[in-house]
Amino acid sequence: MKHGTPGNDVIAAIEQAAHAKGYTLDTYQVAVAQRLGALTQKLLKPSLLMRLGQGIPQGLYLWGPVGRGKSFMLDAFFAAVPLQQKRRVHFHAFFREFHQRMFDHGATRNAVGMALDGLLGDCRLLCFDEFHLHDIGDAMLMSQLFRALFNRRCVVVITSNYPPEGLLPNPLYHERFLPTIQLIEQHLEVQPVAGDTDYRASSNASADAFNQGAFICPGTARQRQSLGLPDGPVITETLTVNRRPLTGLALDESTVYFTFVDLCEADSATIDYLALVDRYARWIIDAVPRLSTASAAGQQRFLNLIDVLYDRRSVLFLISEVPLSQMMDDCESGDLARTRSRVSQLRETCQAMPDTAP
């Protein structure tokens, strides 16, 4: 690899980050690295027209199955770009902050623009990780957001499990989102990341905090005690989150306990999980059912919860009466593959043990 230009230096940094993890970039990842390098070059060495304010470099939309290295490539790129005016955000965290700022400026005529001004300031590079849409209300707000983003001098790089045409897949709403999909395809170069290897499944991530948690089945007292958890369901109380009540229990300063029903079948939202994860690094979710028996809303809340906990590298203990292979079968949610990949990284403790010592 030749050095000497910002683009080539970024490509080299991505390759070195892969080597540090013990693997070589596959064909798809090499193509992504090349495009990220070219984007860096245009961003840091803009053409005369760009310096005159006539346009910005086209951003990137990276999509593919779980475990193909999209977030890794994004993180390596973000770390390597020698630019101060940059920000990397997760979809859920960004949306929480954006909602709050929209609320703060709700009385103004340009609430979207003022919210973005507060969020991004003079940001020239926005890296937007794990983008997906299932809610029509979020989708309509995202339409406004993308239009405002593309009108700013800000380059956008997005990762997603879905191609643009796969966003908001519900046929009741998809057609209403088509103009925004066309806008995304107009401003972002769409690049698949779809190699054969699932790097999450093949990597050794034992040092990662998320992987220190466990999936526990069927949840006997002995199993719970061996992991330092309460030996059975606990008496919960009311927790106030975002000025709303949720039923759970703070076991100590770093650990929070919920049952699946109290958290995922209740009127909770991703902004609540984000607020809670700021307080608690260890989570216990008890009585997780076979997801296909939960409501559609409960399924989606569970998937959103796993996204938040995985992104924040929380320690998670899931307790279920059924094995992991059964807990997530026959579930039709579009994000199930990503969630299954993440939950499968937990230690699986599924051997029934006696509740009393021999």
Protein backbone atom coordinates (compact mmCIF):
# COMPACT_ATOMS: atom_id res chain seq x y z
CA MET A 1 0.00 0.00 0.00
CA LYS A 2 1.40 3.38 -0.98
CA HIS A 3 1.30 6.08 1.63
CA GLY A 4 1.60 9.82 1.42
CA THR A 5 -2.04 10.81 0.93
CA PRO A 6 -4.80 10.98 3.55
CA GLY A 7 -6.87 8.41 1.60
CA ASN A 8 -4.05 5.85 1.40
CA ASP A 9 -3.21 6.39 5.06
CA VAL A 10 -6.81 5.63 6.05
CA ILE A 11 -6.83 2.46 3.92
CA ALA A 12 -3.59 1.35 5.56
CA ALA A 13 -5.03 2.05 9.02
CA ILE A 14 -8.11 -0.08 8.30
CA GLU A 15 -5.89 -2.94 7.08
CA GLN A 16 -3.72 -2.68 10.18
CA ALA A 17 -6.77 -2.70 12.45
CA ALA A 18 -7.91 -5.94 10.76
CA HIS A 19 -4.47 -7.51 11.15
CA ALA A 20 -4.51 -6.57 14.84
CA LYS A 21 -7.67 -8.64 15.17
CA GLY A 22 -6.02 -11.55 13.39
CA TYR A 23 -7.67 -11.51 9.98
CA THR A 24 -7.26 -10.11 6.48
CA LEU A 25 -9.89 -7.97 4.78
CA ASP A 26 -12.16 -9.97 2.46
CA THR A 27 -13.11 -8.85 -1.05
CA TYR A 28 -16.10 -6.82 0.09
CA GLN A 29 -14.15 -5.18 2.91
CA VAL A 30 -11.30 -4.27 0.56
CA ALA A 31 -13.82 -2.53 -1.70
CA VAL A 32 -15.23 -0.66 1.30
CA ALA A 33 -11.74 0.36 2.45
CA GLN A 34 -10.98 1.71 -1.03
CA ARG A 35 -14.17 3.77 -1.05
CA LEU A 36 -13.54 5.07 2.45
CA GLY A 37 -10.05 6.06 1.37
CA ALA A 38 -11.38 7.88 -1.68
CA LEU A 39 -13.97 9.61 0.48
CA THR A 40 -11.25 10.71 2.92
CA GLN A 41 -9.22 12.15 0.07
CA LYS A 42 -12.16 14.18 -1.22
CA LEU A 43 -13.11 15.28 2.29
CA LEU A 44 -9.63 16.52 3.22
CA LYS A 45 -8.44 17.60 -0.23
CA PRO A 46 -11.62 19.04 -1.76
CA SER A 47 -11.84 20.12 -5.36
CA LEU A 48 -12.02 23.79 -6.33
CA LEU A 49 -15.82 23.52 -6.80
CA MET A 50 -16.21 22.05 -3.31
CA ARG A 51 -14.00 24.77 -1.82
CA LEU A 52 -16.31 27.29 -3.47
CA GLY A 53 -19.24 25.70 -1.66
CA GLN A 54 -20.71 23.84 -4.63
CA GLY A 55 -21.45 20.44 -3.17
CA ILE A 56 -19.77 17.95 -0.85
CA PRO A 57 -18.36 14.46 -1.51
CA GLN A 58 -20.96 11.74 -1.87
CA GLY A 59 -21.23 9.75 1.36
CA LEU A 60 -21.46 5.98 1.80
CA TYR A 61 -24.23 3.58 2.78
CA LEU A 62 -22.72 0.23 3.87
CA TRP A 63 -25.15 -2.65 4.23
CA GLY A 64 -24.98 -6.39 4.70
CA PRO A 65 -25.74 -9.31 7.04
CA VAL A 66 -24.70 -9.29 10.67
CA GLY A 67 -21.08 -10.00 11.51
CA ARG A 68 -19.56 -8.90 8.19
CA GLY A 69 -17.47 -6.13 9.71
CA LYS A 70 -19.55 -3.05 8.92
CA SER A 71 -19.20 -1.46 12.37
CA PHE A 72 -15.54 -2.48 12.54
CA MET A 73 -14.82 -0.81 9.20
CA LEU A 74 -16.70 2.30 10.29
CA ASP A 75 -14.84 2.51 13.60
CA ALA A 76 -11.42 1.99 11.98
CA PHE A 77 -12.23 4.65 9.38
CA PHE A 78 -13.51 7.10 11.98
CA ALA A 79 -10.43 6.66 14.17
CA ALA A 80 -8.07 7.11 11.21
CA VAL A 81 -9.58 10.19 9.58
CA PRO A 82 -7.43 13.17 10.69
CA LEU A 83 -10.37 15.48 11.17
CA GLN A 84 -11.61 17.19 14.33
CA GLN A 85 -15.10 18.04 13.08
CA LYS A 86 -16.43 14.47 13.10
CA ARG A 87 -18.91 12.43 15.11
CA ARG A 88 -19.75 8.71 15.31
CA VAL A 89 -23.22 7.94 16.67
CA HIS A 90 -25.42 4.89 17.10
CA PHE A 91 -28.89 5.07 15.59
CA HIS A 92 -30.73 4.73 18.91
CA ALA A 93 -28.53 7.18 20.83
CA PHE A 94 -28.69 9.74 18.04
CA PHE A 95 -32.45 9.50 17.82
CA ARG A 96 -32.83 9.91 21.57
CA GLU A 97 -30.78 13.12 21.54
CA PHE A 98 -32.45 14.37 18.37
CA HIS A 99 -35.94 13.81 19.85
CA GLN A 100 -34.95 15.72 22.98
CA ARG A 101 -33.58 18.68 21.04
CA MET A 102 -36.65 18.71 18.78
CA PHE A 103 -38.78 18.91 21.93
CA ASP A 104 -36.64 21.76 23.27
CA HIS A 105 -37.13 23.72 20.02
CA GLY A 106 -40.71 22.62 19.41
CA ALA A 107 -42.04 26.17 19.51
CA THR A 108 -39.70 27.37 16.75
CA ARG A 109 -40.39 27.24 13.00
CA ASN A 110 -37.14 25.43 12.21
CA ALA A 111 -36.99 22.85 14.99
CA VAL A 112 -35.15 20.27 12.82
CA GLY A 113 -32.45 22.72 11.77
CA MET A 114 -31.95 24.06 15.29
CA ALA A 115 -31.82 20.52 16.72
CA LEU A 116 -29.14 19.58 14.17
CA ASP A 117 -27.20 22.77 14.91
CA GLY A 118 -27.08 21.78 18.55
CA LEU A 119 -26.23 18.15 17.78
CA LEU A 120 -23.62 18.60 15.08
CA GLY A 121 -22.33 22.16 15.19
CA ASP A 122 -19.65 22.41 12.50
CA CYS A 123 -19.45 18.62 12.03
CA ARG A 124 -18.11 17.71 8.57
CA LEU A 125 -18.24 13.91 8.96
CA LEU A 126 -21.15 12.03 10.56
CA CYS A 127 -20.78 8.26 10.97
CA PHE A 128 -24.21 6.75 11.63
CA ASP A 129 -24.01 3.12 12.84
CA GLU A 130 -26.67 0.39 12.64
CA PHE A 131 -29.42 2.33 10.93
CA HIS A 132 -32.82 0.66 10.65
CA LEU A 133 -36.45 1.75 10.65
CA HIS A 134 -39.64 -0.07 11.60
CA ASP A 135 -41.79 2.68 13.09
CA ILE A 136 -43.67 5.00 10.72
CA GLY A 137 -43.40 7.94 13.13
CA ASP A 138 -39.61 7.58 13.31
CA ALA A 139 -39.50 7.17 9.53
CA MET A 140 -41.32 10.44 8.86
CA LEU A 141 -39.00 12.28 11.24
CA MET A 142 -36.00 10.63 9.56
CA SER A 143 -37.24 11.97 6.23
CA GLN A 144 -37.00 15.51 7.61
CA LEU A 145 -33.65 14.72 9.18
CA PHE A 146 -32.06 13.41 5.98
CA ARG A 147 -33.24 16.38 3.96
CA ALA A 148 -31.72 18.73 6.52
CA LEU A 149 -28.50 16.70 6.73
CA PHE A 150 -27.95 16.64 2.99
CA ASN A 151 -28.43 20.41 2.87
CA ARG A 152 -25.52 20.87 5.29
CA ARG A 153 -21.84 20.60 4.41
CA CYS A 154 -21.62 17.28 6.24
CA VAL A 155 -20.50 13.96 4.75
CA VAL A 156 -22.59 11.01 5.99
CA VAL A 157 -21.45 7.38 6.30
CA ILE A 158 -24.12 4.86 7.36
CA THR A 159 -24.05 1.17 8.26
CA SER A 160 -27.18 -0.98 8.15
CA ASN A 161 -28.31 -4.57 7.87
CA TYR A 162 -30.71 -3.43 5.15
CA PRO A 163 -30.21 -1.99 1.67
CA PRO A 164 -31.99 1.36 1.31
CA GLU A 165 -34.95 -0.27 -0.44
CA GLY A 166 -35.31 -2.63 2.54
CA LEU A 167 -35.88 0.15 5.08
CA LEU A 168 -39.30 0.36 6.72
CA PRO A 169 -40.29 -2.98 5.16
CA ASN A 170 -43.87 -2.97 6.44
CA PRO A 171 -45.95 -2.84 3.22
CA LEU A 172 -48.47 -0.55 4.92
CA TYR A 173 -45.86 2.20 5.21
CA HIS A 174 -43.04 1.42 2.80
CA GLU A 175 -44.45 3.41 -0.12
CA ARG A 176 -44.60 6.56 2.00
CA PHE A 177 -40.87 6.25 2.65
CA LEU A 178 -39.86 5.78 -1.00
CA PRO A 179 -39.00 9.49 -1.57
CA THR A 180 -36.55 9.33 1.33
CA ILE A 181 -35.04 6.11 -0.01
CA GLN A 182 -34.50 7.87 -3.33
CA LEU A 183 -32.91 10.78 -1.46
CA ILE A 184 -30.52 8.39 0.32
CA GLU A 185 -29.55 6.73 -2.95
CA GLN A 186 -28.99 10.13 -4.55
CA HIS A 187 -26.61 11.40 -1.86
CA LEU A 188 -24.93 8.19 -0.67
CA GLU A 189 -23.03 5.54 -2.61
CA VAL A 190 -24.58 2.20 -1.69
CA GLN A 191 -21.93 -0.48 -1.02
CA PRO A 192 -22.69 -4.08 0.05
CA VAL A 193 -20.61 -5.77 2.75
CA ALA A 194 -21.69 -9.36 2.28
CA GLY A 195 -18.77 -11.78 2.62
CA ASP A 196 -19.24 -15.41 3.62
CA THR A 197 -17.61 -15.13 7.06
CA ASP A 198 -19.52 -14.11 10.18
CA TYR A 199 -16.67 -12.51 12.13
CA ARG A 200 -18.70 -12.21 15.29
CA ALA A 201 -19.11 -15.98 15.37
CA SER A 202 -15.47 -16.67 14.53
CA SER A 203 -13.73 -14.05 16.69
CA ASN A 204 -12.56 -14.49 20.25
CA ALA A 205 -14.24 -11.66 22.10
CA SER A 206 -13.95 -13.07 25.62
CA ALA A 207 -12.46 -9.81 26.91
CA ASP A 208 -15.51 -7.83 25.80
CA ALA A 209 -17.83 -6.79 28.64
CA PHE A 210 -20.95 -7.87 26.74
CA ASN A 211 -19.54 -11.38 26.40
CA GLN A 212 -19.12 -11.61 30.18
CA GLY A 213 -22.87 -11.97 30.55
CA ALA A 214 -24.79 -15.23 30.15
CA PHE A 215 -27.91 -16.83 28.74
CA ILE A 216 -29.33 -19.01 31.51
CA CYS A 217 -31.83 -21.86 31.07
CA PRO A 218 -33.98 -22.89 32.87
CA GLY A 219 -32.84 -20.50 35.59
CA THR A 220 -32.55 -22.73 38.66
CA ALA A 221 -31.48 -21.25 41.99
CA ARG A 222 -28.10 -23.00 41.68
CA GLN A 223 -27.49 -21.58 38.23
CA ARG A 224 -28.34 -18.07 39.37
CA GLN A 225 -26.20 -18.30 42.50
CA SER A 226 -23.20 -19.59 40.53
CA LEU A 227 -23.28 -16.37 38.50
CA GLY A 228 -23.77 -14.09 41.49
CA LEU A 229 -27.44 -13.40 40.67
CA PRO A 230 -30.46 -13.46 42.99
CA ASP A 231 -31.54 -17.09 43.43
CA GLY A 232 -35.02 -16.47 42.05
CA PRO A 233 -37.47 -13.83 40.85
CA VAL A 234 -37.28 -10.75 43.05
CA ILE A 235 -39.88 -8.35 44.37
CA THR A 236 -39.84 -5.34 42.08
CA GLU A 237 -40.74 -1.71 42.65
CA THR A 238 -41.33 1.41 40.59
CA LEU A 239 -38.36 2.99 38.82
CA THR A 240 -38.81 6.46 37.39
CA VAL A 241 -37.28 6.72 33.92
CA ASN A 242 -37.74 9.79 31.72
CA ARG A 243 -40.44 10.95 34.16
CA ARG A 244 -42.40 7.74 33.61
CA PRO A 245 -42.78 4.67 35.87
CA LEU A 246 -41.28 1.28 34.97
CA THR A 247 -41.48 -1.84 37.11
CA GLY A 248 -38.03 -3.17 38.02
CA LEU A 249 -35.43 -3.14 40.76
CA ALA A 250 -32.00 -1.57 41.20
CA LEU A 251 -30.10 -4.39 42.95
CA ASP A 252 -27.10 -2.17 43.57
CA GLU A 253 -25.45 0.91 42.08
CA SER A 254 -24.48 -0.92 38.87
CA THR A 255 -27.13 -3.66 38.46
CA VAL A 256 -30.76 -3.41 37.39
CA TYR A 257 -33.35 -6.22 37.25
CA PHE A 258 -36.46 -6.53 35.07
CA THR A 259 -38.74 -9.27 33.91
CA PHE A 260 -39.42 -9.45 30.19
CA VAL A 261 -43.08 -8.61 30.71
CA ASP A 262 -42.38 -5.60 32.94
CA LEU A 263 -39.89 -4.11 30.48
CA CYS A 264 -40.71 -5.29 26.96
CA GLU A 265 -44.47 -5.76 27.20
CA ALA A 266 -44.85 -2.49 29.10
CA ASP A 267 -45.06 0.98 27.61
CA SER A 268 -41.28 1.38 27.44
CA ALA A 269 -39.18 2.82 24.65
CA THR A 270 -35.60 2.91 23.44
CA ILE A 271 -35.08 6.30 25.06
CA ASP A 272 -35.83 4.60 28.41
CA TYR A 273 -33.20 1.91 27.80
CA LEU A 274 -30.68 4.60 26.89
CA ALA A 275 -31.44 6.50 30.09
CA LEU A 276 -31.14 3.32 32.17
CA VAL A 277 -27.90 2.19 30.57
CA ASP A 278 -26.35 5.48 31.69
CA ARG A 279 -27.08 4.40 35.26
CA TYR A 280 -26.49 0.64 35.20
CA ALA A 281 -23.71 -1.42 33.58
CA ARG A 282 -25.15 -4.86 34.54
CA TRP A 283 -28.62 -5.98 33.46
CA ILE A 284 -30.72 -8.99 34.42
CA ILE A 285 -33.75 -9.76 32.25
CA ASP A 286 -35.76 -12.58 33.83
CA ALA A 287 -38.55 -14.81 32.47
CA VAL A 288 -37.72 -14.22 28.80
CA PRO A 289 -40.31 -16.24 26.86
CA ARG A 290 -40.14 -17.82 23.45
CA LEU A 291 -40.23 -14.59 21.47
CA SER A 292 -42.81 -15.87 19.00
CA THR A 293 -45.32 -15.90 21.88
CA ALA A 294 -44.67 -12.25 22.74
CA SER A 295 -46.55 -9.39 21.15
CA ALA A 296 -45.08 -7.79 18.04
CA ALA A 297 -44.36 -4.66 20.08
CA GLY A 298 -42.71 -6.75 22.81
CA GLN A 299 -40.51 -8.48 20.26
CA GLN A 300 -39.38 -5.17 18.77
CA ARG A 301 -38.69 -3.65 22.21
CA PHE A 302 -36.54 -6.67 23.08
CA LEU A 303 -34.57 -6.32 19.85
CA ASN A 304 -34.10 -2.59 20.48
CA LEU A 305 -32.99 -3.32 24.05
CA ILE A 306 -30.33 -5.78 22.88
CA ASP A 307 -29.10 -3.18 20.36
CA VAL A 308 -28.65 -0.62 23.13
CA LEU A 309 -26.94 -3.01 25.57
CA TYR A 310 -24.65 -4.39 22.88
CA ASP A 311 -23.64 -0.96 21.65
CA ARG A 312 -22.87 0.22 25.20
CA ARG A 313 -21.00 -3.03 26.03
CA SER A 314 -23.19 -3.73 29.05
CA VAL A 315 -23.02 -7.02 30.97
CA LEU A 316 -26.29 -8.84 30.28
CA PHE A 317 -27.88 -11.89 31.89
CA LEU A 318 -30.93 -13.33 30.12
CA ILE A 319 -32.91 -15.96 32.01
CA SER A 320 -35.39 -18.18 30.17
CA GLU A 321 -37.17 -21.48 30.67
CA VAL A 322 -36.35 -22.46 27.08
CA PRO A 323 -32.93 -22.84 25.38
CA LEU A 324 -31.65 -20.06 23.15
CA SER A 325 -32.33 -22.11 20.01
CA GLN A 326 -36.03 -22.22 20.98
CA MET A 327 -36.31 -18.76 22.47
CA MET A 328 -35.68 -17.09 19.13
CA ASP A 329 -37.31 -19.53 16.71
CA ASP A 330 -40.41 -18.79 14.64
CA CYS A 331 -39.99 -15.05 15.20
CA GLU A 332 -40.60 -12.94 12.10
CA SER A 333 -39.02 -9.64 13.10
CA GLY A 334 -36.74 -8.27 10.41
CA ASP A 335 -33.91 -7.61 12.88
CA LEU A 336 -33.95 -11.10 14.39
CA ALA A 337 -30.71 -12.22 12.70
CA ARG A 338 -28.76 -9.33 14.23
CA THR A 339 -30.23 -9.98 17.67
CA ARG A 340 -29.59 -13.72 17.48
CA SER A 341 -25.97 -13.05 16.51
CA ARG A 342 -25.52 -10.78 19.51
CA VAL A 343 -27.29 -12.93 22.09
CA SER A 344 -25.34 -15.98 20.88
CA GLN A 345 -22.16 -14.26 22.11
CA LEU A 346 -23.35 -14.66 25.71
CA ARG A 347 -22.14 -17.69 27.63
CA GLU A 348 -24.88 -20.30 27.48
CA THR A 349 -25.67 -22.01 30.77
CA CYS A 350 -28.49 -24.39 30.01
CA GLN A 351 -27.86 -27.51 32.04
CA ALA A 352 -30.54 -28.09 34.65
CA MET A 353 -28.99 -28.17 38.14
CA PRO A 354 -30.47 -29.21 41.47
CA ASP A 355 -31.62 -26.41 43.71
CA THR A 356 -30.02 -27.93 46.82
CA ALA A 357 -26.48 -29.03 47.48
CA PRO A 358 -25.85 -32.80 47.38
